[in-house]
Protein backbone atom coordinates (compact mmCIF):
# COMPACT_ATOMS: atom_id res chain seq x y z
CA MET A 1 9.66 -26.12 -26.91
CA SER A 2 7.07 -27.84 -29.14
CA MET A 3 5.74 -26.11 -32.24
CA SER A 4 2.09 -25.56 -33.13
CA GLU A 5 0.45 -24.79 -36.45
CA ASN A 6 -2.57 -22.59 -37.02
CA HIS A 7 -5.64 -23.46 -39.11
CA PRO A 8 -5.84 -21.08 -42.09
CA LEU A 9 -9.10 -20.26 -43.82
CA GLU A 10 -8.75 -22.72 -46.69
CA GLY A 11 -8.59 -25.68 -44.32
CA LEU A 12 -11.48 -24.74 -42.02
CA ARG A 13 -14.52 -27.03 -42.08
CA PRO A 14 -17.68 -26.97 -39.91
CA GLY A 15 -17.43 -29.42 -37.04
CA GLN A 16 -13.76 -28.79 -36.27
CA ARG A 17 -13.20 -28.36 -32.54
CA ALA A 18 -10.63 -27.09 -30.07
CA GLU A 19 -10.57 -27.52 -26.31
CA THR A 20 -8.54 -26.40 -23.30
CA MET A 21 -8.78 -27.06 -19.59
CA ARG A 22 -7.58 -25.03 -16.62
CA ARG A 23 -7.66 -25.47 -12.88
CA LEU A 24 -8.39 -22.05 -11.40
CA THR A 25 -6.00 -20.43 -8.94
CA ALA A 26 -6.62 -17.65 -6.43
CA ASN A 27 -5.08 -15.19 -8.91
CA ASP A 28 -7.50 -16.37 -11.60
CA ILE A 29 -10.46 -15.77 -9.30
CA GLU A 30 -9.34 -12.26 -8.42
CA LEU A 31 -8.72 -11.50 -12.09
CA PHE A 32 -12.21 -12.78 -12.97
CA ALA A 33 -13.63 -10.56 -10.23
CA LEU A 34 -11.85 -7.51 -11.63
CA MET A 35 -13.11 -8.31 -15.14
CA GLY A 36 -16.62 -8.56 -13.71
CA GLY A 37 -16.41 -5.16 -12.06
CA GLU A 38 -15.83 -6.40 -8.51
CA ILE A 39 -12.87 -4.10 -8.00
CA GLU A 40 -12.14 -4.71 -4.33
CA SER A 41 -11.22 -8.14 -2.96
CA GLY A 42 -13.73 -7.55 -0.20
CA GLN A 43 -16.55 -7.45 -2.77
CA MET A 44 -15.87 -10.98 -3.97
CA ARG A 45 -18.36 -13.45 -2.63
CA PRO A 46 -17.33 -16.03 -0.01
CA ALA A 47 -17.46 -19.64 -1.16
CA GLY A 48 -16.92 -21.50 2.09
CA GLU A 49 -13.74 -22.55 3.91
CA GLY A 50 -12.40 -19.01 3.63
CA HIS A 51 -12.23 -19.19 -0.17
CA ILE A 52 -13.37 -16.51 -2.58
CA ALA A 53 -15.60 -16.81 -5.61
CA ALA A 54 -16.17 -14.68 -8.68
CA HIS A 55 -18.71 -14.53 -11.46
CA ALA A 56 -18.06 -16.82 -14.41
CA SER A 57 -17.98 -13.88 -16.84
CA GLY A 58 -14.19 -13.93 -16.54
CA CYS A 59 -14.17 -17.19 -18.52
CA VAL A 60 -14.25 -15.04 -21.66
CA ALA A 61 -10.46 -14.78 -21.30
CA LEU A 62 -10.14 -18.57 -21.70
CA VAL A 63 -12.42 -18.53 -24.74
CA LEU A 64 -10.47 -15.84 -26.55
CA TRP A 65 -7.15 -17.48 -25.70
CA LEU A 66 -8.41 -20.79 -27.13
CA ILE A 67 -9.50 -19.21 -30.41
CA CYS A 68 -6.43 -17.04 -30.92
CA ASN A 69 -3.94 -19.76 -29.97
CA ARG A 70 -5.55 -23.06 -31.00
CA MET A 71 -8.47 -22.72 -33.44
CA PRO A 72 -8.00 -21.00 -35.85
CA GLY A 73 -4.87 -19.97 -33.94
CA ALA A 74 -2.10 -17.52 -34.80
CA GLY A 75 -3.22 -14.68 -37.07
CA SER A 76 -6.88 -14.82 -35.97
CA GLU A 77 -8.84 -11.62 -35.36
CA VAL A 78 -11.86 -11.73 -33.06
CA VAL A 79 -14.48 -9.49 -34.70
CA ARG A 80 -17.23 -9.78 -32.09
CA HIS A 81 -18.76 -12.22 -29.67
CA ASP A 82 -22.07 -12.96 -28.02
CA LEU A 83 -21.20 -14.89 -24.88
CA ARG A 84 -23.56 -15.38 -21.96
CA SER A 85 -22.33 -16.42 -18.53
CA SER A 86 -23.98 -17.71 -15.39
CA GLY A 87 -22.89 -19.08 -12.03
CA MET A 88 -19.78 -18.67 -9.94
CA VAL A 89 -16.24 -20.03 -10.08
CA MET A 90 -13.87 -20.60 -7.18
CA VAL A 91 -10.32 -21.71 -6.45
CA GLY A 92 -9.73 -25.29 -7.55
CA ASP A 93 -12.52 -25.44 -10.13
CA GLU A 94 -11.55 -27.33 -13.28
CA ILE A 95 -12.80 -25.41 -16.30
CA ASP A 96 -13.32 -27.07 -19.70
CA CYS A 97 -13.52 -24.58 -22.58
CA GLU A 98 -14.65 -25.86 -25.99
CA ALA A 99 -15.07 -24.07 -29.33
CA GLU A 100 -16.67 -25.74 -32.39
CA LEU A 101 -16.67 -24.25 -35.90
CA ALA A 102 -20.29 -23.83 -37.06
CA GLU A 103 -19.96 -21.76 -40.25
CA VAL A 104 -17.22 -20.36 -42.45
CA ASP A 105 -17.47 -17.78 -45.27
CA ALA A 106 -14.62 -18.25 -47.73
CA GLU A 107 -15.23 -14.84 -49.32
CA THR A 108 -15.16 -12.66 -46.20
CA GLY A 109 -12.94 -14.98 -44.18
CA LEU A 110 -15.37 -14.91 -41.25
CA ALA A 111 -15.76 -18.04 -39.15
CA LEU A 112 -18.50 -18.58 -36.57
CA PHE A 113 -17.66 -20.65 -33.49
CA LEU A 114 -20.07 -22.12 -30.96
CA VAL A 115 -18.60 -21.92 -27.47
CA ASN A 116 -19.33 -23.88 -24.31
CA VAL A 117 -17.54 -23.55 -20.97
CA ARG A 118 -18.28 -26.04 -18.18
CA ASN A 119 -16.91 -26.84 -14.74
CA GLN A 120 -15.94 -30.22 -13.33
CA HIS A 121 -19.56 -30.89 -12.36
CA GLY A 122 -20.78 -30.41 -15.93
CA SER A 123 -22.51 -27.11 -15.14
CA THR A 124 -22.49 -24.60 -18.00
CA LEU A 125 -20.67 -21.41 -17.04
CA MET A 126 -20.61 -19.70 -20.43
CA HIS A 127 -22.04 -20.32 -23.90
CA GLY A 128 -22.58 -18.37 -27.10
CA HIS A 129 -20.99 -17.37 -30.38
CA VAL A 130 -17.69 -15.86 -31.46
CA TRP A 131 -17.10 -14.41 -34.94
CA VAL A 132 -13.49 -14.61 -36.08
CA ARG A 133 -11.64 -13.38 -39.15
CA ALA A 134 -9.54 -16.43 -39.89
CA PRO A 135 -5.90 -16.24 -41.00
CA ARG A 136 -5.27 -16.84 -44.71
CA ILE A 137 -1.70 -18.08 -44.41
CA ARG A 138 -0.16 -20.97 -42.52
CA ILE A 139 1.86 -19.94 -39.45
CA MET A 140 4.14 -22.12 -37.36
CA SER A 141 4.77 -20.87 -33.83
CA GLU A 142 6.03 -22.08 -30.50
CA HIS A 143 3.31 -23.73 -28.48
CA GLU A 144 2.19 -21.29 -25.79
CA ALA A 145 0.71 -22.47 -22.51
CA LEU A 146 -1.96 -20.45 -20.76
CA PRO A 147 -0.20 -17.47 -19.14
CA GLU A 148 0.10 -17.02 -15.39
CA ILE A 149 -0.90 -13.54 -14.27
CA THR A 150 0.13 -11.88 -11.02
CA LEU A 151 -2.03 -9.05 -9.74
CA ARG A 152 0.06 -6.24 -8.31
CA ARG A 153 -1.81 -4.18 -5.74
CA HIS A 154 0.62 -2.15 -3.63
CA ASP A 155 -2.14 -0.53 -1.63
CA GLY A 156 -1.90 -2.67 1.49
CA PHE A 157 -0.64 0.13 3.72
CA ALA A 158 -3.05 2.79 2.43
CA HIS A 159 -5.87 1.91 4.83
CA LEU A 160 -3.43 1.93 7.76
CA LEU A 161 -2.27 5.42 6.84
CA GLU A 162 -5.90 6.48 6.59
CA ALA A 163 -6.52 5.12 10.10
CA CYS A 164 -3.80 7.44 11.44
CA LYS A 165 -4.97 10.61 9.71
CA HIS A 166 -7.32 11.83 12.42
CA ARG A 167 -5.14 10.84 15.36
CA GLU A 168 -2.63 12.90 17.27
CA ALA A 169 0.96 12.57 16.11
CA VAL A 170 3.18 10.28 18.18
CA SER A 171 6.34 11.64 19.81
CA CYS A 172 9.35 9.83 18.35
CA ALA A 173 13.10 9.90 18.91
CA VAL A 174 14.81 9.38 15.55
CA VAL A 175 18.21 7.89 16.32
CA HIS A 176 21.19 9.16 14.31
CA PRO A 177 19.38 10.19 11.08
CA CYS A 178 22.59 11.13 9.30
CA ASP A 179 21.88 9.96 5.77
CA ARG A 180 19.33 10.93 3.14
CA ASP A 181 16.78 8.11 3.41
CA SER A 182 16.65 7.88 7.20
CA LEU A 183 16.20 11.65 7.50
CA LEU A 184 13.64 11.92 4.70
CA GLY A 185 11.69 8.96 6.08
CA ALA A 186 11.34 10.70 9.44
CA LEU A 187 10.46 14.06 7.89
CA GLU A 188 7.87 12.48 5.59
CA ALA A 189 6.30 10.71 8.58
CA ALA A 190 6.13 14.09 10.32
CA ARG A 191 4.63 15.73 7.23
CA GLN A 192 1.95 13.03 7.16
CA GLY A 193 1.10 13.82 10.78
CA LEU A 194 2.30 10.46 12.08
CA ILE A 195 5.11 11.59 14.39
CA ARG A 196 6.55 14.59 16.20
CA PRO A 197 10.23 13.84 15.65
CA ILE A 198 13.17 14.60 17.87
CA LEU A 199 16.33 14.05 15.84
CA VAL A 200 18.99 12.60 18.13
CA GLY A 201 22.60 12.58 16.95
CA PRO A 202 25.51 14.75 15.79
CA GLN A 203 23.87 18.02 14.80
CA ALA A 204 26.39 18.89 12.10
CA LYS A 205 25.94 15.52 10.36
CA ILE A 206 22.14 15.76 10.56
CA ARG A 207 22.15 19.25 9.03
CA ALA A 208 24.60 18.14 6.35
CA ALA A 209 22.26 15.27 5.42
CA ALA A 210 19.36 17.72 5.22
CA MET A 211 21.33 20.07 2.98
CA ALA A 212 22.35 17.20 0.69
CA ALA A 213 18.70 16.10 0.46
CA GLY A 214 17.50 19.65 -0.21
CA VAL A 215 15.15 19.84 2.79
CA THR A 216 14.83 22.26 5.68
CA LEU A 217 14.87 21.38 9.36
CA ASP A 218 13.00 24.51 10.45
CA GLY A 219 10.77 23.71 13.41
CA VAL A 220 12.30 20.26 13.94
CA GLU A 221 13.90 19.61 17.33
CA ILE A 222 17.49 18.34 17.25
CA LEU A 223 19.09 16.84 20.34
CA HIS A 224 22.85 16.85 19.85
CA THR A 225 25.07 13.90 20.79
CA ASP A 226 28.68 13.34 19.86
CA HIS A 227 28.26 10.00 18.08
CA SER A 228 25.82 7.21 17.22
CA HIS A 229 26.44 5.22 20.41
CA ALA A 230 25.53 8.24 22.54
CA ALA A 231 22.52 8.89 20.31
CA ALA A 232 21.17 5.39 20.98
CA GLN A 233 21.61 5.77 24.74
CA LYS A 234 19.96 9.20 24.78
CA ALA A 235 17.00 8.07 22.69
CA VAL A 236 16.40 5.08 24.98
CA GLU A 237 16.57 7.40 27.98
CA LEU A 238 13.89 9.62 26.42
CA ALA A 239 11.65 6.59 25.92
CA ARG A 240 12.33 5.16 29.37
CA THR A 241 11.39 8.43 31.07
CA GLY A 242 8.23 8.85 28.99
CA GLN A 243 9.44 11.84 26.97
CA VAL A 244 8.82 10.00 23.68
CA GLU A 245 6.38 7.22 22.77
CA SER A 246 8.47 5.53 20.10
CA LEU A 247 11.91 5.12 18.57
CA MET A 248 13.00 5.11 14.93
CA LYS A 249 16.37 3.81 13.81
CA GLY A 250 18.40 6.11 11.58
CA SER A 251 21.70 5.34 9.88
CA LEU A 252 23.38 3.51 12.75
CA HIS A 253 23.72 -0.27 12.97
CA THR A 254 20.84 -2.26 14.44
CA ASP A 255 23.15 -3.89 17.00
CA GLU A 256 24.20 -0.48 18.26
CA LEU A 257 20.63 0.64 18.90
CA MET A 258 19.49 -2.67 20.39
CA ALA A 259 22.50 -2.72 22.72
CA ALA A 260 20.98 0.33 24.38
CA VAL A 261 17.43 -1.11 24.32
CA VAL A 262 17.90 -4.55 25.89
CA PRO A 263 19.67 -3.97 29.26
CA SER A 264 17.28 -4.63 32.13
CA ALA A 265 18.45 -1.73 34.27
CA THR A 266 18.71 1.06 31.70
CA GLY A 267 16.90 -0.25 28.63
CA LEU A 268 13.32 -0.79 27.53
CA ARG A 269 12.71 -4.45 28.32
CA THR A 270 9.43 -5.69 29.75
CA GLY A 271 8.41 -9.09 31.09
CA ARG A 272 8.08 -10.36 27.53
CA ARG A 273 10.78 -11.22 25.01
CA ILE A 274 11.54 -8.45 22.52
CA SER A 275 11.00 -9.55 18.92
CA HIS A 276 10.72 -8.16 15.41
CA VAL A 277 7.88 -8.38 12.90
CA PHE A 278 7.98 -7.59 9.20
CA VAL A 279 4.66 -6.48 7.73
CA LEU A 280 4.49 -7.11 3.99
CA ASP A 281 2.16 -6.05 1.22
CA VAL A 282 2.80 -8.84 -1.30
CA PRO A 283 1.25 -8.17 -4.74
CA ALA A 284 0.35 -11.82 -5.29
CA TYR A 285 -1.21 -12.31 -1.82
CA SER A 286 -4.68 -11.09 -0.96
CA ARG A 287 -3.97 -9.96 2.61
CA PRO A 288 -1.25 -8.30 4.69
CA LEU A 289 1.41 -10.81 5.71
CA LEU A 290 3.40 -10.68 8.95
CA VAL A 291 6.76 -12.49 9.18
CA THR A 292 8.54 -13.02 12.50
CA ASP A 293 11.26 -13.06 13.78
CA ALA A 294 13.65 -11.90 11.09
CA ALA A 295 15.83 -9.34 12.86
CA ILE A 296 16.25 -9.82 16.63
CA ASN A 297 16.19 -13.41 17.89
CA ILE A 298 18.85 -15.42 16.07
CA ALA A 299 18.00 -18.97 17.15
CA PRO A 300 15.02 -18.71 19.51
CA ASN A 301 14.33 -21.58 21.86
CA PHE A 302 10.83 -22.86 22.53
CA GLU A 303 10.08 -20.48 25.40
CA GLU A 304 11.25 -17.51 23.36
CA LYS A 305 9.03 -18.59 20.47
CA ILE A 306 6.00 -18.35 22.77
CA ASP A 307 6.61 -14.62 23.19
CA ILE A 308 7.49 -14.18 19.51
CA VAL A 309 4.14 -15.67 18.50
CA GLN A 310 2.14 -13.69 21.07
CA ASN A 311 3.88 -10.44 20.10
CA ALA A 312 2.96 -10.98 16.46
CA ILE A 313 -0.65 -11.80 17.31
CA ASN A 314 -0.93 -8.64 19.40
CA LEU A 315 0.47 -6.57 16.54
CA ALA A 316 -2.01 -8.15 14.13
CA HIS A 317 -4.83 -7.02 16.42
CA VAL A 318 -3.54 -3.45 16.28
CA LEU A 319 -3.51 -3.68 12.48
CA GLY A 320 -7.17 -4.68 12.47
CA ILE A 321 -6.80 -8.46 12.05
CA GLN A 322 -9.16 -9.63 14.77
CA GLN A 323 -8.28 -13.32 14.81
CA PRO A 324 -5.05 -13.79 12.87
CA LYS A 325 -4.22 -17.15 11.34
CA VAL A 326 -0.72 -18.12 12.45
CA ALA A 327 1.38 -20.60 10.47
CA ILE A 328 4.34 -22.07 12.37
CA LEU A 329 6.80 -22.78 9.57
CA SER A 330 9.17 -25.65 9.02
CA ALA A 331 10.45 -27.60 6.03
CA THR A 332 7.55 -30.04 6.25
CA GLU A 333 3.98 -30.22 7.47
CA VAL A 334 4.65 -33.49 9.31
CA VAL A 335 5.91 -33.61 12.90
CA ASN A 336 9.36 -35.18 12.84
CA ALA A 337 11.45 -35.66 15.98
CA LYS A 338 14.61 -35.16 13.91
CA ILE A 339 13.49 -31.65 12.88
CA PRO A 340 13.25 -29.55 16.07
CA SER A 341 11.15 -26.81 14.46
CA THR A 342 8.34 -29.29 13.79
CA MET A 343 8.31 -30.28 17.45
CA ASP A 344 8.22 -26.63 18.53
CA ALA A 345 5.36 -25.99 16.11
CA ALA A 346 3.28 -28.85 17.48
CA LEU A 347 3.83 -27.69 21.07
CA LEU A 348 2.97 -24.07 20.25
CA CYS A 349 -0.29 -25.19 18.65
CA LYS A 350 -1.18 -27.27 21.69
CA MET A 351 -0.47 -24.29 23.96
CA ALA A 352 -2.90 -22.26 21.86
CA ASP A 353 -5.47 -25.03 22.25
CA ARG A 354 -5.03 -24.74 26.03
CA GLY A 355 -5.33 -20.95 26.04
CA GLN A 356 -1.66 -20.33 26.86
CA ILE A 357 -1.28 -18.40 23.60
CA THR A 358 -4.32 -16.27 22.88
CA GLY A 359 -5.93 -14.14 20.22
CA GLY A 360 -5.08 -16.18 17.12
CA ILE A 361 -5.58 -19.51 15.36
CA LEU A 362 -2.36 -21.52 15.21
CA ASP A 363 -1.39 -24.43 12.99
CA GLY A 364 1.91 -26.09 12.36
CA PRO A 365 4.20 -27.35 11.35
CA LEU A 366 3.41 -26.04 7.88
CA ALA A 367 5.77 -25.72 4.95
CA PHE A 368 5.78 -22.29 3.33
CA ASP A 369 3.74 -23.36 0.29
CA ASN A 370 1.05 -24.94 2.45
CA ALA A 371 0.83 -21.81 4.58
CA ILE A 372 0.17 -19.36 1.76
CA SER A 373 -1.29 -21.45 -1.10
CA ILE A 374 -4.73 -23.03 -0.95
CA GLU A 375 -3.84 -25.11 -4.00
CA ALA A 376 -0.71 -26.53 -2.34
CA ALA A 377 -2.62 -27.32 0.85
CA ARG A 378 -5.34 -29.10 -1.12
CA THR A 379 -2.80 -31.09 -3.11
CA LYS A 380 -1.29 -32.37 0.14
CA ARG A 381 -4.77 -32.89 1.61
CA ILE A 382 -4.14 -30.58 4.54
CA VAL A 383 -7.39 -29.64 6.25
CA SER A 384 -6.73 -26.54 8.31
CA PRO A 385 -8.25 -23.11 8.98
CA VAL A 386 -4.75 -21.64 8.56
CA ALA A 387 -3.30 -23.47 5.54
CA GLY A 388 -3.38 -21.36 2.40
CA GLN A 389 -4.56 -18.21 4.15
CA ALA A 390 -2.03 -17.39 6.86
CA ASP A 391 -1.82 -13.87 8.27
CA ILE A 392 1.35 -14.54 10.26
CA LEU A 393 4.34 -16.68 9.29
CA VAL A 394 6.53 -17.70 12.24
CA ALA A 395 9.99 -18.65 10.99
CA PRO A 396 12.05 -21.28 12.82
CA ASP A 397 15.00 -18.90 13.17
CA LEU A 398 16.27 -15.47 12.13
CA GLU A 399 18.08 -16.71 9.04
CA ALA A 400 14.97 -18.33 7.57
CA GLY A 401 12.76 -15.37 8.47
CA ASN A 402 15.15 -12.77 7.09
CA MET A 403 15.65 -14.59 3.80
CA LEU A 404 11.91 -15.17 3.48
CA ALA A 405 11.01 -11.50 4.01
CA LYS A 406 13.72 -10.17 1.72
CA ASN A 407 12.91 -12.70 -1.00
CA MET A 408 9.37 -11.34 -0.98
CA ALA A 409 10.64 -7.78 -1.20
CA TYR A 410 13.12 -8.32 -4.02
CA PHE A 411 11.63 -11.23 -5.99
CA ALA A 412 7.89 -10.75 -5.35
CA GLY A 413 7.90 -6.94 -5.35
CA ALA A 414 6.46 -6.66 -1.84
CA ASP A 415 6.34 -3.41 0.07
CA ILE A 416 7.85 -4.10 3.47
CA ALA A 417 7.66 -2.45 6.87
CA GLY A 418 9.30 -3.55 10.09
CA ILE A 419 8.80 -2.97 13.79
CA VAL A 420 10.19 -4.19 17.12
CA VAL A 421 7.54 -5.24 19.63
CA GLY A 422 7.67 -6.47 23.21
CA ALA A 423 9.59 -3.42 24.46
CA ARG A 424 8.20 -0.49 26.44
CA VAL A 425 7.73 1.46 23.22
CA PRO A 426 7.46 0.41 19.56
CA ILE A 427 10.73 0.67 17.66
CA VAL A 428 11.16 1.01 13.91
CA LEU A 429 14.22 -0.91 12.76
CA THR A 430 14.62 0.08 9.15
CA SER A 431 17.34 -1.38 6.97
CA ARG A 432 19.88 1.00 5.52
CA ALA A 433 18.70 -0.29 2.12
CA ASP A 434 15.06 0.68 2.80
CA ASN A 435 13.63 3.49 0.72
CA VAL A 436 11.49 6.35 2.01
CA ARG A 437 8.27 4.46 1.17
CA SER A 438 9.23 1.51 3.39
CA ARG A 439 10.29 3.82 6.21
CA LEU A 440 6.96 5.64 6.01
CA ALA A 441 5.05 2.34 6.12
CA SER A 442 7.01 1.35 9.23
CA ALA A 443 6.18 4.70 10.82
CA VAL A 444 2.48 4.11 10.19
CA ILE A 445 2.61 0.79 12.03
CA MET A 446 4.68 2.28 14.84
CA ALA A 447 2.14 5.08 15.28
CA LEU A 448 -0.76 2.62 15.45
CA VAL A 449 1.04 0.57 18.11
CA ALA A 450 1.83 3.70 20.14
CA HIS A 451 -1.81 4.81 19.96
CA ALA A 452 -2.95 1.36 21.10
CA ARG A 453 -0.65 1.61 24.14
CA ARG A 454 -1.98 4.98 25.29
CA PRO A 455 -5.12 3.65 27.04
CA GLN A 456 -2.98 1.04 28.85
CA GLN A 457 -0.57 3.71 30.07
CA GLU A 458 -3.40 5.98 31.16
CA GLY A 459 -5.03 3.09 33.00
């Protein structure tokens, strides 16, 4: 790493200048909005093409970084500033920040800098004065680039929980809840008024799990079965006969539960393909993100992808996304006959154009970066209503979808919920590694889907 040297007091002379430039990202804009008091993303002003804008007052961060890292640099102390801002900034703006030394007092060590901040069009965004107590000794330090800041929200499921608060609890068969997290997840969902649980499985194991977790099962219905396989069959029977409106996976394997769900004669299949959707609250992304299919369909063919896409769109509607933007993912944004997923993507988009897939805006193929990053889409000159602002990511196969969703959970700190759609009732397929928070988030989504189905069933 290169080294940089500060400018101590004895070497400061009026007329010395420092400058830095930065191309603003979506994170920068949201940070500027927070600094300007626009706490909620929804308060930030639209700037066309689905982008967001914020007041230029956030440019003060660039000014102070420039002074403390470049001129005078390390050891500087900002005493006060008088900076005035005007105008708006948006994603992609190129900001030029300049500080020029106007006066220096050798006795007090105070230096006065004149500051100007402009955008790529030459418009002044901020100007004024900054008084700095300059360092008196020379300091060598590693050259520091402007930091990248990730805003961590973790409130993406809060409004969904709020939407459930004044609704009747949904009847739910919890299948084989014989470990701590699966049992506590169901009980917490019941405590929040989301579900009326029926615990289906070996009664002794369920009670042992409750005792180990330090919770009581008073008032909770338990339907005894001898083992997990029987629990799955019994829970599906309850759903098939209308005794429960939803299913929640406990500590059994997913394959074991789905083996009871998928048979045409005794299961919960409908005329549409069953698929799975992860719903993620990603700290660095400004909207809920749906990923499909990452748990059910291993290598879906084109016809199966039609149902997978439509299922995800329908779920997005339930979650309040009126016209979801759907990105059909591949390794490239160019249709290539040698890459089957790009061909599928192009055909799916054309079906949407013809009204064969409804309720959403489709585009594809799109690479992952183009789907979720406006900057990446602009760099590749992709003009699309979906690129950079996708609500739904459709993976080419289960392996890609599963790795994508779990990368976001473990590397990006996303909260993650999961649900099976396309069956007669919504089904929560939690992972055995999911914590109680994730299980509760899944229960919220399941409850919303069950409520949405009630008018259809009554009709």
